[in-house]
């Protein structure tokens, strides 16, 4: 027996896009929820017309108290060429702290200096009530 050759059957298979769209929307929601939104900061650029050149800029920065210890254990305060005596360390710290309460003490010892000079300055600074004492390398 022979089959009757009629019209060929058309393929009615179509691709269902609904699951793919669901996955895409779920991924979109995931990335939106987990994204970190950064707020950009901007700096206002002031023109030279607004600045008065007659007035110096305000001195808002705190001035630190710098002690330098020389190779012979000589103590130099704030770059002054004359070394100070160990008896006057505390009084100098008190005076500079009264001028600027937010200042901190910075000690810069020489590699050849003794530890006793360093400890003497640190003790005087703590007795004067200085909370922030730093030691830096030369």
N, C-alpha and C. Protein backbone atom coordinates (compact mmCIF):
# COMPACT_ATOMS: atom_id res chain seq x y z
N UNK A 1 0.81 -1.15 0.00
CA UNK A 1 0.00 0.00 0.00
C UNK A 1 0.87 1.24 0.00
N UNK A 2 0.36 2.05 -0.63
CA UNK A 2 1.08 3.27 -0.82
C UNK A 2 0.44 4.38 -0.03
N UNK A 3 1.26 5.21 0.52
CA UNK A 3 0.75 6.34 1.27
C UNK A 3 0.32 7.40 0.30
N UNK A 4 -0.67 8.03 0.71
CA UNK A 4 -1.14 9.09 -0.15
C UNK A 4 -0.26 10.31 0.09
N UNK A 5 0.30 10.73 -0.98
CA UNK A 5 1.16 11.89 -0.85
C UNK A 5 0.30 13.12 -0.92
N UNK A 6 0.16 13.68 0.20
CA UNK A 6 -0.62 14.91 0.26
C UNK A 6 0.31 16.06 0.59
N UNK A 7 -0.23 16.95 1.19
CA UNK A 7 0.65 18.06 1.54
C UNK A 7 1.52 17.69 2.73
N UNK A 8 2.67 18.15 2.65
CA UNK A 8 3.57 17.83 3.75
C UNK A 8 3.14 18.53 5.04
N UNK A 9 3.35 17.87 6.15
CA UNK A 9 2.99 18.46 7.44
C UNK A 9 3.94 19.61 7.75
N UNK A 10 3.37 20.70 8.16
CA UNK A 10 4.22 21.83 8.53
C UNK A 10 4.64 21.67 9.98
N UNK A 11 5.86 22.06 10.23
CA UNK A 11 6.40 21.96 11.58
C UNK A 11 5.87 23.14 12.38
N UNK A 12 5.09 22.90 13.37
CA UNK A 12 4.54 23.97 14.21
C UNK A 12 5.36 24.15 15.49
N UNK A 13 6.60 23.76 15.47
CA UNK A 13 7.42 23.94 16.67
C UNK A 13 7.96 25.36 16.70
N UNK A 14 7.68 26.05 17.77
CA UNK A 14 8.16 27.41 17.96
C UNK A 14 8.94 27.46 19.27
N UNK A 15 9.88 28.39 19.33
CA UNK A 15 10.68 28.55 20.53
C UNK A 15 9.91 29.43 21.50
N UNK A 16 9.75 28.94 22.73
CA UNK A 16 9.05 29.70 23.76
C UNK A 16 10.07 30.59 24.48
N UNK A 17 9.92 31.91 24.37
CA UNK A 17 10.87 32.86 24.96
C UNK A 17 10.52 33.26 26.39
N UNK A 18 9.44 32.82 26.92
CA UNK A 18 9.01 33.23 28.25
C UNK A 18 10.02 32.84 29.33
N UNK A 19 10.53 31.64 29.38
CA UNK A 19 11.51 31.32 30.43
C UNK A 19 12.79 32.15 30.29
N UNK A 20 13.22 32.43 29.06
CA UNK A 20 14.41 33.23 28.88
C UNK A 20 14.18 34.65 29.39
N UNK A 21 13.03 35.21 29.14
CA UNK A 21 12.73 36.55 29.64
C UNK A 21 12.65 36.57 31.16
N UNK A 22 12.13 35.53 31.75
CA UNK A 22 12.09 35.45 33.21
C UNK A 22 13.50 35.46 33.79
N UNK A 23 14.40 34.70 33.20
CA UNK A 23 15.79 34.65 33.68
C UNK A 23 16.45 36.01 33.51
N UNK A 24 16.22 36.68 32.40
CA UNK A 24 16.82 37.99 32.17
C UNK A 24 16.31 39.00 33.20
N UNK A 25 15.03 38.98 33.49
CA UNK A 25 14.49 39.91 34.49
C UNK A 25 15.02 39.61 35.89
N UNK A 26 15.18 38.35 36.22
CA UNK A 26 15.73 37.99 37.53
C UNK A 26 17.18 38.46 37.64
N UNK A 27 17.97 38.29 36.58
CA UNK A 27 19.34 38.79 36.59
C UNK A 27 19.39 40.31 36.70
N UNK A 28 18.49 40.98 36.00
CA UNK A 28 18.43 42.43 36.07
C UNK A 28 18.11 42.89 37.49
N UNK A 29 17.16 42.26 38.13
CA UNK A 29 16.80 42.61 39.51
C UNK A 29 17.98 42.32 40.44
N UNK A 30 18.67 41.21 40.24
CA UNK A 30 19.82 40.87 41.07
C UNK A 30 20.91 41.93 40.96
N UNK A 31 21.25 42.35 39.75
CA UNK A 31 22.31 43.33 39.58
C UNK A 31 21.90 44.71 40.10
N UNK A 32 20.65 45.07 39.98
CA UNK A 32 20.20 46.36 40.49
C UNK A 32 20.25 46.37 42.01
N UNK A 33 19.86 45.29 42.64
CA UNK A 33 19.84 45.24 44.10
C UNK A 33 21.25 45.20 44.67
N UNK A 34 22.15 44.48 44.02
CA UNK A 34 23.49 44.33 44.58
C UNK A 34 24.47 45.41 44.13
N UNK A 35 24.06 46.27 43.23
CA UNK A 35 24.97 47.31 42.74
C UNK A 35 25.23 48.33 43.84
N UNK A 36 26.45 48.81 43.89
CA UNK A 36 26.83 49.84 44.84
C UNK A 36 26.74 51.17 44.12
N UNK A 37 25.95 52.05 44.69
CA UNK A 37 25.80 53.36 44.09
C UNK A 37 26.79 54.30 44.75
N UNK A 38 27.69 54.85 43.97
CA UNK A 38 28.72 55.75 44.48
C UNK A 38 28.27 57.18 44.28
N UNK A 39 28.42 57.96 45.33
CA UNK A 39 28.13 59.38 45.18
C UNK A 39 29.44 60.09 44.91
N UNK A 40 29.51 60.80 43.84
CA UNK A 40 30.74 61.47 43.47
C UNK A 40 30.79 62.82 44.14
N UNK A 41 31.96 63.13 44.69
CA UNK A 41 32.14 64.43 45.31
C UNK A 41 32.78 65.36 44.31
N UNK A 42 32.44 66.59 44.41
CA UNK A 42 33.00 67.55 43.47
C UNK A 42 33.64 68.69 44.24
N UNK A 43 34.59 69.29 43.63
CA UNK A 43 35.29 70.42 44.21
C UNK A 43 34.89 71.64 43.40
N UNK A 44 34.45 72.67 44.11
CA UNK A 44 34.07 73.87 43.39
C UNK A 44 35.32 74.64 43.01
N UNK A 45 35.41 74.96 41.76
CA UNK A 45 36.57 75.70 41.27
C UNK A 45 36.23 77.18 41.34
N UNK A 46 36.87 77.87 42.25
CA UNK A 46 36.62 79.29 42.41
C UNK A 46 37.46 80.07 41.41
N UNK A 47 36.85 81.03 40.80
CA UNK A 47 37.59 81.84 39.83
C UNK A 47 38.43 82.87 40.57
N UNK A 48 39.38 83.43 39.86
CA UNK A 48 40.26 84.40 40.48
C UNK A 48 39.55 85.72 40.76
N UNK A 49 38.37 85.93 40.19
CA UNK A 49 37.62 87.15 40.44
C UNK A 49 37.06 87.19 41.86
N UNK A 50 36.76 86.04 42.41
CA UNK A 50 36.16 85.99 43.74
C UNK A 50 37.19 86.10 44.85
N UNK A 51 38.43 85.82 44.57
CA UNK A 51 39.46 85.82 45.60
C UNK A 51 40.03 87.22 45.77
N UNK A 52 40.18 87.64 47.00
CA UNK A 52 40.85 88.90 47.28
C UNK A 52 42.32 88.61 47.50
N UNK A 53 43.16 89.20 46.70
CA UNK A 53 44.59 88.94 46.84
C UNK A 53 45.18 89.74 47.98
N UNK A 54 44.41 90.66 48.57
CA UNK A 54 44.91 91.46 49.68
C UNK A 54 44.97 90.66 50.97
N UNK A 55 44.08 89.69 51.12
CA UNK A 55 43.99 88.93 52.36
C UNK A 55 44.76 87.62 52.22
N UNK A 56 45.59 87.29 53.21
CA UNK A 56 46.28 85.99 53.14
C UNK A 56 45.29 84.87 53.43
N UNK A 57 45.61 83.66 53.01
CA UNK A 57 44.71 82.54 53.29
C UNK A 57 44.64 82.29 54.80
N UNK A 58 43.51 81.77 55.28
CA UNK A 58 43.39 81.53 56.72
C UNK A 58 44.34 80.44 57.18
N UNK A 59 44.83 80.61 58.40
CA UNK A 59 45.78 79.67 58.97
C UNK A 59 45.02 78.67 59.84
N UNK A 60 44.35 77.72 59.17
CA UNK A 60 43.53 76.74 59.88
C UNK A 60 44.32 75.50 60.27
N UNK A 61 45.47 75.28 59.66
CA UNK A 61 46.20 74.06 59.95
C UNK A 61 46.87 74.15 61.32
N UNK A 62 46.89 73.03 61.98
CA UNK A 62 47.52 73.02 63.30
C UNK A 62 49.03 72.91 63.14
N UNK A 63 49.73 73.61 63.98
CA UNK A 63 51.18 73.58 63.93
C UNK A 63 51.67 72.57 64.96
N UNK A 64 52.51 71.69 64.50
CA UNK A 64 53.04 70.65 65.39
C UNK A 64 54.26 71.17 66.14
N UNK A 65 54.56 70.51 67.23
CA UNK A 65 55.74 70.83 68.04
C UNK A 65 56.80 69.81 67.67
N UNK A 66 57.86 70.27 66.99
CA UNK A 66 58.88 69.37 66.48
C UNK A 66 60.14 69.45 67.34
N UNK A 67 60.53 68.31 67.89
CA UNK A 67 61.79 68.19 68.62
C UNK A 67 62.75 67.38 67.78
N UNK A 68 63.93 67.91 67.54
CA UNK A 68 64.97 67.18 66.83
C UNK A 68 66.09 66.89 67.83
N UNK A 69 66.50 65.64 67.88
CA UNK A 69 67.59 65.24 68.78
C UNK A 69 68.83 65.03 67.92
N UNK A 70 69.88 65.80 68.19
CA UNK A 70 71.12 65.71 67.42
C UNK A 70 71.96 64.53 67.83
N UNK A 71 73.10 64.37 67.15
CA UNK A 71 73.99 63.25 67.43
C UNK A 71 74.60 63.35 68.82
N UNK A 72 74.76 64.57 69.33
CA UNK A 72 75.33 64.77 70.68
C UNK A 72 74.24 64.95 71.73
N UNK A 73 73.05 64.47 71.46
CA UNK A 73 71.88 64.57 72.35
C UNK A 73 71.45 66.02 72.58
N UNK A 74 71.76 66.91 71.64
CA UNK A 74 71.27 68.28 71.75
C UNK A 74 69.84 68.31 71.23
N UNK A 75 69.00 69.03 71.92
CA UNK A 75 67.57 69.07 71.61
C UNK A 75 67.25 70.40 70.94
N UNK A 76 66.70 70.33 69.75
CA UNK A 76 66.36 71.51 68.97
C UNK A 76 64.84 71.54 68.82
N UNK A 77 64.23 72.68 69.13
CA UNK A 77 62.78 72.82 69.11
C UNK A 77 62.36 73.63 67.89
N UNK A 78 61.51 73.07 67.05
CA UNK A 78 60.91 73.71 65.88
C UNK A 78 61.95 74.35 64.95
N UNK A 79 63.07 73.72 64.76
CA UNK A 79 64.08 74.19 63.83
C UNK A 79 64.88 75.38 64.31
N UNK A 80 64.73 75.78 65.58
CA UNK A 80 65.50 76.89 66.13
C UNK A 80 66.97 76.47 66.19
N UNK A 81 67.88 77.33 65.72
CA UNK A 81 69.29 76.91 65.70
C UNK A 81 69.90 76.73 67.09
N UNK A 82 69.31 77.36 68.10
CA UNK A 82 69.85 77.20 69.46
C UNK A 82 69.22 76.00 70.14
N UNK A 83 70.03 75.07 70.64
CA UNK A 83 69.45 73.93 71.36
C UNK A 83 68.89 74.38 72.71
N UNK A 84 67.87 73.65 73.18
CA UNK A 84 67.28 73.98 74.48
C UNK A 84 67.82 73.03 75.53
N UNK A 85 67.78 73.48 76.75
CA UNK A 85 68.24 72.66 77.87
C UNK A 85 67.14 71.67 78.26
N UNK A 86 67.53 70.50 78.75
CA UNK A 86 66.52 69.51 79.14
C UNK A 86 65.56 70.01 80.21
N UNK A 87 66.01 70.95 81.07
CA UNK A 87 65.12 71.46 82.12
C UNK A 87 63.96 72.28 81.56
N UNK A 88 64.09 72.82 80.36
CA UNK A 88 63.09 73.71 79.80
C UNK A 88 62.19 73.05 78.75
N UNK A 89 62.28 71.75 78.61
CA UNK A 89 61.46 71.04 77.62
C UNK A 89 59.98 71.18 77.98
N UNK A 90 59.64 70.88 79.22
CA UNK A 90 58.23 70.91 79.64
C UNK A 90 57.65 72.31 79.53
N UNK A 91 58.40 73.34 79.93
CA UNK A 91 57.87 74.70 79.86
C UNK A 91 57.65 75.13 78.41
N UNK A 92 58.53 74.71 77.51
CA UNK A 92 58.34 75.03 76.10
C UNK A 92 57.10 74.32 75.53
N UNK A 93 56.89 73.08 75.93
CA UNK A 93 55.70 72.35 75.47
C UNK A 93 54.45 73.02 76.01
N UNK A 94 54.45 73.41 77.29
CA UNK A 94 53.29 74.09 77.87
C UNK A 94 52.98 75.39 77.13
N UNK A 95 54.01 76.14 76.80
CA UNK A 95 53.81 77.42 76.11
C UNK A 95 53.24 77.20 74.71
N UNK A 96 53.79 76.25 73.96
CA UNK A 96 53.31 75.99 72.61
C UNK A 96 51.93 75.33 72.61
N UNK A 97 51.64 74.55 73.64
CA UNK A 97 50.31 73.96 73.74
C UNK A 97 49.26 75.02 74.05
N UNK A 98 49.63 76.03 74.84
CA UNK A 98 48.70 77.12 75.13
C UNK A 98 48.38 77.92 73.87
N UNK A 99 49.36 78.06 72.98
CA UNK A 99 49.14 78.77 71.73
C UNK A 99 48.28 77.97 70.76
N UNK A 100 48.46 76.66 70.73
CA UNK A 100 47.71 75.81 69.81
C UNK A 100 47.38 74.49 70.52
N UNK A 101 46.19 74.37 71.11
CA UNK A 101 45.84 73.16 71.87
C UNK A 101 45.73 71.90 71.02
N UNK A 102 45.51 72.05 69.70
CA UNK A 102 45.34 70.88 68.84
C UNK A 102 46.67 70.35 68.32
N UNK A 103 47.78 70.95 68.71
CA UNK A 103 49.09 70.54 68.20
C UNK A 103 49.49 69.18 68.76
N UNK A 104 50.34 68.50 68.04
CA UNK A 104 50.89 67.23 68.51
C UNK A 104 52.41 67.33 68.54
N UNK A 105 53.01 66.47 69.34
CA UNK A 105 54.47 66.48 69.50
C UNK A 105 55.07 65.46 68.53
N UNK A 106 56.05 65.93 67.77
CA UNK A 106 56.77 65.05 66.84
C UNK A 106 58.24 65.07 67.25
N UNK A 107 58.80 63.89 67.44
CA UNK A 107 60.19 63.76 67.87
C UNK A 107 60.96 63.09 66.74
N UNK A 108 62.06 63.73 66.35
CA UNK A 108 62.92 63.19 65.28
C UNK A 108 64.31 62.95 65.85
N UNK A 109 64.58 61.74 66.32
CA UNK A 109 65.90 61.46 66.90
C UNK A 109 66.92 61.14 65.81
N UNK A 110 68.16 61.41 66.12
CA UNK A 110 69.28 61.04 65.25
C UNK A 110 69.63 59.59 65.55
N UNK A 111 70.21 58.91 64.58
CA UNK A 111 70.60 57.52 64.80
C UNK A 111 71.68 57.37 65.86
N UNK A 112 72.48 58.41 66.05
CA UNK A 112 73.57 58.34 67.03
C UNK A 112 73.15 58.86 68.40
N UNK A 113 71.93 59.37 68.55
CA UNK A 113 71.49 59.92 69.84
C UNK A 113 71.10 58.79 70.79
N UNK A 114 71.05 59.14 72.08
CA UNK A 114 70.70 58.13 73.08
C UNK A 114 69.19 58.07 73.27
N UNK A 115 68.76 56.94 73.78
CA UNK A 115 67.35 56.74 74.02
C UNK A 115 66.88 57.58 75.21
N UNK A 116 67.78 57.93 76.11
CA UNK A 116 67.42 58.71 77.30
C UNK A 116 66.87 60.08 76.90
N UNK A 117 67.43 60.70 75.89
CA UNK A 117 66.93 62.00 75.44
C UNK A 117 65.53 61.86 74.85
N UNK A 118 65.31 60.80 74.12
CA UNK A 118 63.98 60.54 73.54
C UNK A 118 62.95 60.32 74.63
N UNK A 119 63.28 59.51 75.61
CA UNK A 119 62.35 59.22 76.72
C UNK A 119 62.10 60.48 77.54
N UNK A 120 63.12 61.33 77.71
CA UNK A 120 62.96 62.56 78.47
C UNK A 120 61.94 63.49 77.79
N UNK A 121 62.00 63.60 76.47
CA UNK A 121 61.05 64.45 75.74
C UNK A 121 59.65 63.84 75.80
N UNK A 122 59.55 62.52 75.66
CA UNK A 122 58.24 61.87 75.72
C UNK A 122 57.60 62.04 77.09
N UNK A 123 58.38 61.89 78.16
CA UNK A 123 57.85 62.08 79.52
C UNK A 123 57.39 63.52 79.75
N UNK A 124 58.17 64.47 79.28
CA UNK A 124 57.79 65.88 79.44
C UNK A 124 56.50 66.18 78.67
N UNK A 125 56.36 65.58 77.49
CA UNK A 125 55.14 65.81 76.70
C UNK A 125 53.92 65.17 77.37
N UNK A 126 54.09 64.00 77.93
CA UNK A 126 52.96 63.36 78.63
C UNK A 126 52.60 64.12 79.90
N UNK A 127 53.59 64.64 80.61
CA UNK A 127 53.31 65.44 81.81
C UNK A 127 52.60 66.74 81.45
N UNK A 128 52.87 67.26 80.27
CA UNK A 128 52.21 68.49 79.82
C UNK A 128 50.81 68.21 79.30
N UNK A 129 50.43 66.95 79.22
CA UNK A 129 49.07 66.60 78.79
C UNK A 129 48.92 66.42 77.30
N UNK A 130 50.00 66.22 76.59
CA UNK A 130 49.93 66.00 75.15
C UNK A 130 49.48 64.57 74.89
N UNK A 131 48.43 64.42 74.09
CA UNK A 131 47.89 63.09 73.82
C UNK A 131 48.55 62.44 72.61
N UNK A 132 48.96 63.25 71.65
CA UNK A 132 49.47 62.70 70.41
C UNK A 132 50.98 62.96 70.32
N UNK A 133 51.76 61.90 70.51
CA UNK A 133 53.22 61.99 70.44
C UNK A 133 53.68 61.01 69.37
N UNK A 134 54.44 61.52 68.40
CA UNK A 134 54.91 60.69 67.29
C UNK A 134 56.43 60.72 67.21
N UNK A 135 57.00 59.61 66.79
CA UNK A 135 58.44 59.52 66.57
C UNK A 135 58.65 59.24 65.09
N UNK A 136 59.46 60.08 64.44
CA UNK A 136 59.71 59.91 63.01
C UNK A 136 61.19 59.67 62.78
N UNK A 137 61.50 59.05 61.66
CA UNK A 137 62.89 58.80 61.31
C UNK A 137 63.49 60.03 60.67
N UNK A 138 64.79 60.23 60.83
CA UNK A 138 65.43 61.39 60.20
C UNK A 138 65.50 61.25 58.70
